[in-house]
N, C-alpha and C. Protein backbone atom coordinates (compact mmCIF):
# COMPACT_ATOMS: atom_id res chain seq x y z
N MET A 1 17.21 10.08 -1.07
CA MET A 1 16.01 9.29 -0.96
C MET A 1 16.03 8.58 0.39
N ALA A 2 14.93 8.71 1.12
CA ALA A 2 14.79 8.03 2.40
C ALA A 2 13.81 6.88 2.24
N THR A 3 14.13 5.74 2.88
CA THR A 3 13.25 4.57 2.83
C THR A 3 13.05 4.05 4.24
N VAL A 4 11.79 3.72 4.55
CA VAL A 4 11.44 3.09 5.82
C VAL A 4 10.75 1.78 5.48
N GLU A 5 11.15 0.69 6.12
CA GLU A 5 10.51 -0.60 5.92
C GLU A 5 9.87 -1.02 7.23
N LEU A 6 8.68 -1.58 7.11
CA LEU A 6 7.92 -2.03 8.26
C LEU A 6 7.35 -3.39 7.93
N THR A 7 7.49 -4.35 8.82
CA THR A 7 6.83 -5.63 8.65
C THR A 7 5.97 -5.87 9.88
N PHE A 8 4.83 -6.55 9.66
CA PHE A 8 3.96 -6.86 10.79
C PHE A 8 3.22 -8.16 10.52
N SER A 9 2.82 -8.82 11.59
CA SER A 9 2.07 -10.07 11.46
C SER A 9 0.64 -9.75 11.02
N ALA A 10 -0.02 -10.75 10.49
CA ALA A 10 -1.34 -10.58 9.88
C ALA A 10 -2.44 -10.48 10.94
N LEU A 11 -2.38 -9.41 11.70
CA LEU A 11 -3.40 -9.14 12.71
C LEU A 11 -4.04 -7.79 12.40
N PRO A 12 -5.38 -7.71 12.44
CA PRO A 12 -6.04 -6.45 12.13
C PRO A 12 -5.58 -5.28 13.00
N ALA A 13 -5.19 -5.53 14.24
CA ALA A 13 -4.75 -4.45 15.13
C ALA A 13 -3.51 -3.74 14.60
N HIS A 14 -2.70 -4.42 13.81
CA HIS A 14 -1.48 -3.80 13.28
C HIS A 14 -1.75 -2.85 12.12
N VAL A 15 -2.93 -2.92 11.53
CA VAL A 15 -3.27 -2.01 10.43
C VAL A 15 -3.27 -0.57 10.92
N ARG A 16 -3.78 -0.35 12.10
CA ARG A 16 -3.80 1.01 12.66
C ARG A 16 -2.38 1.55 12.81
N THR A 17 -1.48 0.73 13.29
CA THR A 17 -0.09 1.16 13.43
C THR A 17 0.52 1.52 12.08
N ALA A 18 0.25 0.70 11.08
CA ALA A 18 0.76 0.98 9.73
C ALA A 18 0.21 2.31 9.21
N ARG A 19 -1.07 2.58 9.43
CA ARG A 19 -1.66 3.86 9.00
C ARG A 19 -0.99 5.03 9.70
N LEU A 20 -0.76 4.90 11.01
CA LEU A 20 -0.14 5.99 11.78
C LEU A 20 1.29 6.26 11.30
N VAL A 21 2.05 5.19 11.06
CA VAL A 21 3.42 5.35 10.59
C VAL A 21 3.43 6.00 9.20
N ALA A 22 2.59 5.52 8.30
CA ALA A 22 2.55 6.08 6.94
C ALA A 22 2.16 7.56 6.96
N THR A 23 1.19 7.92 7.77
CA THR A 23 0.76 9.32 7.85
C THR A 23 1.87 10.20 8.42
N ALA A 24 2.55 9.73 9.44
CA ALA A 24 3.64 10.51 10.03
C ALA A 24 4.77 10.72 9.03
N ILE A 25 5.12 9.68 8.30
CA ILE A 25 6.21 9.81 7.32
C ILE A 25 5.77 10.67 6.15
N ALA A 26 4.53 10.54 5.72
CA ALA A 26 4.01 11.39 4.63
C ALA A 26 4.09 12.86 5.03
N ARG A 27 3.68 13.16 6.23
CA ARG A 27 3.75 14.55 6.72
C ARG A 27 5.21 15.02 6.72
N ARG A 28 6.09 14.17 7.19
CA ARG A 28 7.50 14.54 7.29
C ARG A 28 8.14 14.75 5.92
N THR A 29 7.69 14.02 4.90
CA THR A 29 8.27 14.17 3.56
C THR A 29 7.63 15.29 2.76
N GLY A 30 6.64 15.96 3.34
CA GLY A 30 6.08 17.14 2.68
C GLY A 30 4.80 16.92 1.90
N VAL A 31 4.09 15.81 2.16
CA VAL A 31 2.78 15.63 1.54
C VAL A 31 1.85 16.68 2.13
N GLU A 32 1.06 17.32 1.28
CA GLU A 32 0.14 18.36 1.73
C GLU A 32 -0.80 17.83 2.80
N GLU A 33 -1.09 18.67 3.79
CA GLU A 33 -2.01 18.28 4.87
C GLU A 33 -3.34 17.79 4.32
N SER A 34 -3.81 18.38 3.24
CA SER A 34 -5.11 18.01 2.67
C SER A 34 -5.11 16.60 2.09
N LEU A 35 -3.94 16.01 1.86
CA LEU A 35 -3.83 14.66 1.30
C LEU A 35 -3.56 13.59 2.36
N LEU A 36 -3.28 14.00 3.59
CA LEU A 36 -2.90 13.02 4.61
C LEU A 36 -4.01 12.03 4.93
N ASP A 37 -5.27 12.45 4.88
CA ASP A 37 -6.37 11.51 5.10
C ASP A 37 -6.41 10.46 4.00
N GLU A 38 -6.14 10.88 2.76
CA GLU A 38 -6.11 9.92 1.65
C GLU A 38 -4.99 8.90 1.84
N VAL A 39 -3.83 9.37 2.29
CA VAL A 39 -2.71 8.47 2.57
C VAL A 39 -3.12 7.46 3.64
N ARG A 40 -3.65 7.97 4.73
CA ARG A 40 -4.05 7.11 5.85
C ARG A 40 -5.08 6.06 5.41
N LEU A 41 -6.10 6.50 4.69
CA LEU A 41 -7.16 5.57 4.27
C LEU A 41 -6.66 4.56 3.23
N ALA A 42 -5.87 5.00 2.26
CA ALA A 42 -5.36 4.08 1.23
C ALA A 42 -4.42 3.04 1.83
N VAL A 43 -3.53 3.47 2.70
CA VAL A 43 -2.61 2.52 3.34
C VAL A 43 -3.40 1.55 4.22
N GLY A 44 -4.39 2.07 4.93
CA GLY A 44 -5.23 1.20 5.75
C GLY A 44 -5.97 0.16 4.92
N GLU A 45 -6.50 0.58 3.78
CA GLU A 45 -7.21 -0.34 2.89
C GLU A 45 -6.27 -1.41 2.33
N ALA A 46 -5.08 -1.00 1.89
CA ALA A 46 -4.11 -1.95 1.34
C ALA A 46 -3.65 -2.93 2.42
N CYS A 47 -3.41 -2.44 3.61
CA CYS A 47 -2.96 -3.32 4.70
C CYS A 47 -4.08 -4.25 5.14
N SER A 48 -5.32 -3.76 5.21
CA SER A 48 -6.45 -4.61 5.57
C SER A 48 -6.64 -5.72 4.56
N ARG A 49 -6.47 -5.39 3.29
CA ARG A 49 -6.56 -6.37 2.21
C ARG A 49 -5.48 -7.44 2.38
N ALA A 50 -4.26 -7.00 2.71
CA ALA A 50 -3.16 -7.94 2.91
C ALA A 50 -3.39 -8.83 4.14
N VAL A 51 -3.89 -8.25 5.22
CA VAL A 51 -4.18 -9.03 6.42
C VAL A 51 -5.22 -10.10 6.11
N GLU A 52 -6.28 -9.71 5.41
CA GLU A 52 -7.33 -10.68 5.05
C GLU A 52 -6.76 -11.81 4.20
N ALA A 53 -5.94 -11.47 3.22
CA ALA A 53 -5.34 -12.49 2.35
C ALA A 53 -4.40 -13.40 3.13
N HIS A 54 -3.60 -12.83 4.01
CA HIS A 54 -2.65 -13.63 4.79
C HIS A 54 -3.37 -14.56 5.76
N ARG A 55 -4.42 -14.06 6.39
CA ARG A 55 -5.14 -14.89 7.35
C ARG A 55 -5.76 -16.10 6.66
N ALA A 56 -6.13 -15.95 5.38
CA ALA A 56 -6.72 -17.05 4.63
C ALA A 56 -5.68 -18.01 4.06
N HIS A 57 -4.51 -17.49 3.67
CA HIS A 57 -3.55 -18.32 2.93
C HIS A 57 -2.22 -18.56 3.63
N CYS A 58 -1.73 -17.61 4.39
CA CYS A 58 -0.38 -17.76 4.99
C CYS A 58 -0.28 -16.93 6.27
N PRO A 59 -1.02 -17.30 7.30
CA PRO A 59 -1.08 -16.48 8.52
C PRO A 59 0.25 -16.28 9.24
N GLY A 60 1.21 -17.14 9.01
CA GLY A 60 2.50 -17.00 9.68
C GLY A 60 3.47 -16.06 8.98
N GLU A 61 3.17 -15.67 7.77
CA GLU A 61 4.07 -14.81 7.00
C GLU A 61 3.81 -13.33 7.33
N PRO A 62 4.86 -12.53 7.42
CA PRO A 62 4.66 -11.09 7.70
C PRO A 62 4.25 -10.32 6.45
N ILE A 63 3.56 -9.24 6.68
CA ILE A 63 3.20 -8.28 5.63
C ILE A 63 4.28 -7.21 5.65
N ARG A 64 4.68 -6.74 4.49
CA ARG A 64 5.78 -5.78 4.38
C ARG A 64 5.27 -4.48 3.78
N ILE A 65 5.70 -3.38 4.38
CA ILE A 65 5.39 -2.05 3.84
C ILE A 65 6.71 -1.32 3.64
N GLU A 66 6.85 -0.70 2.48
CA GLU A 66 8.02 0.13 2.19
C GLU A 66 7.50 1.53 1.91
N LEU A 67 8.06 2.52 2.61
CA LEU A 67 7.68 3.92 2.46
C LEU A 67 8.91 4.68 1.97
N ARG A 68 8.75 5.39 0.85
CA ARG A 68 9.90 6.05 0.22
C ARG A 68 9.58 7.49 -0.13
N ASP A 69 10.60 8.29 -0.06
CA ASP A 69 10.55 9.67 -0.55
C ASP A 69 11.46 9.70 -1.76
N ASP A 70 10.86 9.71 -2.95
CA ASP A 70 11.65 9.57 -4.16
C ASP A 70 11.17 10.55 -5.23
N SER A 71 12.05 11.41 -5.69
CA SER A 71 11.79 12.32 -6.81
C SER A 71 10.50 13.12 -6.66
N GLY A 72 10.32 13.72 -5.50
CA GLY A 72 9.15 14.55 -5.29
C GLY A 72 7.87 13.79 -5.07
N ARG A 73 7.96 12.49 -4.78
CA ARG A 73 6.79 11.66 -4.54
C ARG A 73 6.96 10.93 -3.21
N PHE A 74 5.87 10.76 -2.50
CA PHE A 74 5.84 9.88 -1.34
C PHE A 74 5.21 8.59 -1.82
N GLU A 75 5.96 7.50 -1.75
CA GLU A 75 5.52 6.21 -2.31
C GLU A 75 5.42 5.16 -1.21
N VAL A 76 4.31 4.43 -1.22
CA VAL A 76 4.09 3.35 -0.27
C VAL A 76 3.84 2.08 -1.06
N THR A 77 4.55 1.00 -0.72
CA THR A 77 4.31 -0.31 -1.34
C THR A 77 3.94 -1.28 -0.23
N VAL A 78 2.76 -1.87 -0.35
CA VAL A 78 2.31 -2.90 0.59
C VAL A 78 2.43 -4.23 -0.13
N SER A 79 3.19 -5.15 0.48
CA SER A 79 3.46 -6.45 -0.14
C SER A 79 2.94 -7.57 0.74
N ASP A 80 2.20 -8.48 0.11
CA ASP A 80 1.76 -9.67 0.83
C ASP A 80 2.34 -10.91 0.16
N HIS A 81 2.18 -12.04 0.82
CA HIS A 81 2.70 -13.31 0.29
C HIS A 81 1.59 -14.28 -0.06
N ALA A 82 0.35 -13.79 -0.10
CA ALA A 82 -0.79 -14.66 -0.43
C ALA A 82 -0.89 -14.81 -1.94
N PRO A 83 -1.13 -16.01 -2.43
CA PRO A 83 -1.21 -16.22 -3.88
C PRO A 83 -2.39 -15.46 -4.49
N SER A 84 -2.20 -15.00 -5.71
CA SER A 84 -3.26 -14.30 -6.44
C SER A 84 -3.69 -15.15 -7.62
N ASP A 85 -4.98 -15.14 -7.90
CA ASP A 85 -5.50 -15.87 -9.05
C ASP A 85 -5.42 -15.04 -10.32
N GLU A 86 -5.04 -13.78 -10.20
CA GLU A 86 -4.97 -12.90 -11.36
C GLU A 86 -3.82 -13.33 -12.27
N ILE A 87 -3.91 -12.97 -13.54
CA ILE A 87 -2.84 -13.23 -14.50
C ILE A 87 -1.59 -12.48 -14.03
N THR A 88 -0.43 -13.12 -14.14
CA THR A 88 0.79 -12.45 -13.71
C THR A 88 1.53 -11.89 -14.91
N GLN A 89 2.23 -10.81 -14.65
CA GLN A 89 3.06 -10.19 -15.67
C GLN A 89 4.08 -9.31 -14.96
N ASP A 90 5.13 -8.94 -15.68
CA ASP A 90 6.19 -8.14 -15.08
C ASP A 90 5.80 -6.68 -14.93
N GLU A 91 4.94 -6.21 -15.79
CA GLU A 91 4.50 -4.82 -15.75
C GLU A 91 3.28 -4.71 -14.83
N PRO A 92 3.04 -3.53 -14.24
CA PRO A 92 1.86 -3.38 -13.39
C PRO A 92 0.59 -3.48 -14.22
N PHE A 93 -0.46 -3.94 -13.57
CA PHE A 93 -1.76 -4.02 -14.24
C PHE A 93 -2.35 -2.64 -14.40
N ASP A 94 -2.98 -2.43 -15.54
CA ASP A 94 -3.87 -1.30 -15.70
C ASP A 94 -5.08 -1.65 -14.83
N LEU A 95 -5.49 -0.77 -13.94
CA LEU A 95 -6.55 -1.10 -13.00
C LEU A 95 -7.83 -1.52 -13.71
N GLY A 96 -8.04 -1.05 -14.93
CA GLY A 96 -9.21 -1.45 -15.69
C GLY A 96 -9.17 -2.91 -16.13
N MET A 97 -7.97 -3.53 -16.11
CA MET A 97 -7.83 -4.92 -16.55
C MET A 97 -8.09 -5.93 -15.43
N LEU A 98 -8.12 -5.47 -14.17
CA LEU A 98 -8.32 -6.40 -13.07
C LEU A 98 -9.76 -6.89 -13.05
N SER A 99 -9.96 -8.12 -12.64
CA SER A 99 -11.30 -8.69 -12.61
C SER A 99 -12.15 -8.00 -11.56
N ASP A 100 -13.46 -8.08 -11.73
CA ASP A 100 -14.39 -7.47 -10.78
C ASP A 100 -14.22 -8.04 -9.39
N SER A 101 -13.97 -9.35 -9.26
CA SER A 101 -13.81 -9.95 -7.94
C SER A 101 -12.56 -9.42 -7.25
N PHE A 102 -11.49 -9.23 -8.02
CA PHE A 102 -10.26 -8.69 -7.43
C PHE A 102 -10.49 -7.26 -7.00
N MET A 103 -11.17 -6.47 -7.84
CA MET A 103 -11.41 -5.07 -7.54
C MET A 103 -12.32 -4.92 -6.33
N SER A 104 -13.46 -5.60 -6.31
CA SER A 104 -14.42 -5.39 -5.23
C SER A 104 -14.02 -6.13 -3.97
N GLY A 105 -13.52 -7.34 -4.10
CA GLY A 105 -13.19 -8.14 -2.94
C GLY A 105 -12.02 -7.62 -2.15
N PHE A 106 -11.12 -6.92 -2.77
CA PHE A 106 -9.92 -6.48 -2.09
C PHE A 106 -9.76 -4.97 -2.00
N GLY A 107 -10.72 -4.21 -2.43
CA GLY A 107 -10.67 -2.77 -2.22
C GLY A 107 -9.69 -2.01 -3.09
N ILE A 108 -9.23 -2.58 -4.18
CA ILE A 108 -8.29 -1.87 -5.05
C ILE A 108 -8.94 -0.61 -5.62
N ALA A 109 -10.23 -0.69 -5.91
CA ALA A 109 -10.93 0.48 -6.44
C ALA A 109 -10.92 1.62 -5.43
N VAL A 110 -11.08 1.30 -4.16
CA VAL A 110 -11.04 2.32 -3.11
C VAL A 110 -9.65 2.96 -3.07
N ILE A 111 -8.63 2.13 -3.11
CA ILE A 111 -7.26 2.63 -3.07
C ILE A 111 -7.00 3.54 -4.27
N ALA A 112 -7.45 3.12 -5.45
CA ALA A 112 -7.25 3.91 -6.67
C ALA A 112 -7.93 5.27 -6.57
N GLY A 113 -9.03 5.34 -5.85
CA GLY A 113 -9.71 6.62 -5.66
C GLY A 113 -9.03 7.52 -4.65
N LEU A 114 -8.19 6.97 -3.80
CA LEU A 114 -7.53 7.75 -2.76
C LEU A 114 -6.11 8.17 -3.10
N ALA A 115 -5.39 7.32 -3.81
CA ALA A 115 -3.99 7.59 -4.12
C ALA A 115 -3.88 8.34 -5.44
N ASP A 116 -2.84 9.14 -5.55
CA ASP A 116 -2.60 9.90 -6.77
C ASP A 116 -2.21 8.98 -7.92
N ASP A 117 -1.45 7.94 -7.62
CA ASP A 117 -0.99 6.99 -8.63
C ASP A 117 -0.96 5.61 -7.97
N VAL A 118 -1.50 4.59 -8.65
CA VAL A 118 -1.56 3.24 -8.09
C VAL A 118 -1.10 2.24 -9.14
N GLU A 119 -0.26 1.29 -8.71
CA GLU A 119 0.15 0.17 -9.55
C GLU A 119 -0.05 -1.11 -8.74
N VAL A 120 -0.56 -2.14 -9.39
CA VAL A 120 -0.81 -3.42 -8.73
C VAL A 120 -0.03 -4.50 -9.46
N PHE A 121 0.73 -5.29 -8.69
CA PHE A 121 1.55 -6.36 -9.24
C PHE A 121 1.13 -7.68 -8.59
N PRO A 122 0.07 -8.34 -9.08
CA PRO A 122 -0.30 -9.65 -8.51
C PRO A 122 0.56 -10.76 -9.10
N SER A 123 0.81 -11.80 -8.30
CA SER A 123 1.56 -12.95 -8.78
C SER A 123 1.18 -14.16 -7.92
N PRO A 124 1.60 -15.34 -8.33
CA PRO A 124 1.33 -16.52 -7.49
C PRO A 124 2.03 -16.46 -6.13
N LYS A 125 3.02 -15.60 -6.00
CA LYS A 125 3.76 -15.49 -4.74
C LYS A 125 3.31 -14.31 -3.89
N GLY A 126 2.30 -13.58 -4.33
CA GLY A 126 1.81 -12.45 -3.55
C GLY A 126 1.47 -11.26 -4.43
N THR A 127 1.05 -10.19 -3.78
CA THR A 127 0.66 -8.98 -4.49
C THR A 127 1.37 -7.78 -3.89
N ASP A 128 1.88 -6.93 -4.76
CA ASP A 128 2.44 -5.65 -4.34
C ASP A 128 1.48 -4.57 -4.82
N ILE A 129 1.12 -3.67 -3.92
CA ILE A 129 0.31 -2.51 -4.28
C ILE A 129 1.18 -1.29 -4.00
N ARG A 130 1.49 -0.56 -5.06
CA ARG A 130 2.32 0.64 -4.96
C ARG A 130 1.43 1.86 -5.15
N MET A 131 1.48 2.76 -4.18
CA MET A 131 0.67 3.98 -4.21
C MET A 131 1.61 5.16 -4.04
N SER A 132 1.27 6.31 -4.63
CA SER A 132 2.11 7.48 -4.41
C SER A 132 1.29 8.76 -4.44
N TRP A 133 1.87 9.78 -3.80
CA TRP A 133 1.30 11.11 -3.72
C TRP A 133 2.42 12.14 -3.91
N PRO A 134 2.08 13.34 -4.37
CA PRO A 134 3.12 14.36 -4.51
C PRO A 134 3.64 14.81 -3.15
N ALA A 135 4.94 15.09 -3.08
CA ALA A 135 5.56 15.59 -1.86
C ALA A 135 6.59 16.63 -2.23
N ASN A 136 6.78 17.59 -1.34
CA ASN A 136 7.74 18.64 -1.66
C ASN A 136 9.17 18.23 -1.38
N GLY A 137 9.36 17.06 -0.75
CA GLY A 137 10.71 16.53 -0.55
C GLY A 137 11.48 17.15 0.60
N ARG A 138 10.90 18.13 1.26
CA ARG A 138 11.60 18.74 2.40
C ARG A 138 11.24 17.96 3.65
N LEU A 139 12.24 17.37 4.27
CA LEU A 139 12.00 16.63 5.48
C LEU A 139 11.77 17.62 6.62
N THR A 140 10.69 17.39 7.36
CA THR A 140 10.40 18.22 8.52
C THR A 140 10.47 17.34 9.74
N SER A 141 10.59 17.94 10.89
CA SER A 141 10.67 17.13 12.11
C SER A 141 9.29 16.61 12.48
N LEU A 142 9.29 15.42 13.11
CA LEU A 142 8.04 14.82 13.55
C LEU A 142 7.61 15.55 14.76
């Protein structure tokens, strides 16, 4: 299993870099070419959501992205440190349980339409959005 971690300050310009890194690693881990646009757009949406939340609540804190190749899946987790008003729990939310304001205001619905599998973990200390796509697991050169 390979893991790449990336942190960046809450600036919109860094979202593009995060999308480029995620797409390059997805390609390298064997995500089908036809899915790379979905990876790029979903990661961009999750990072944009995190940047917006950080700029409002904690502009000095970095946003963290973890990219993993695990068990035939390419998994991306975008973590922010902005407090969430959603109910907290240890298990991921069923996307149907999230409030309309959370869904529309932060683009979770868009992410759910782009990623093969999505889990959202909101808490008073931040939100983790975990997305994944199928990958063949064969590392190729960049």
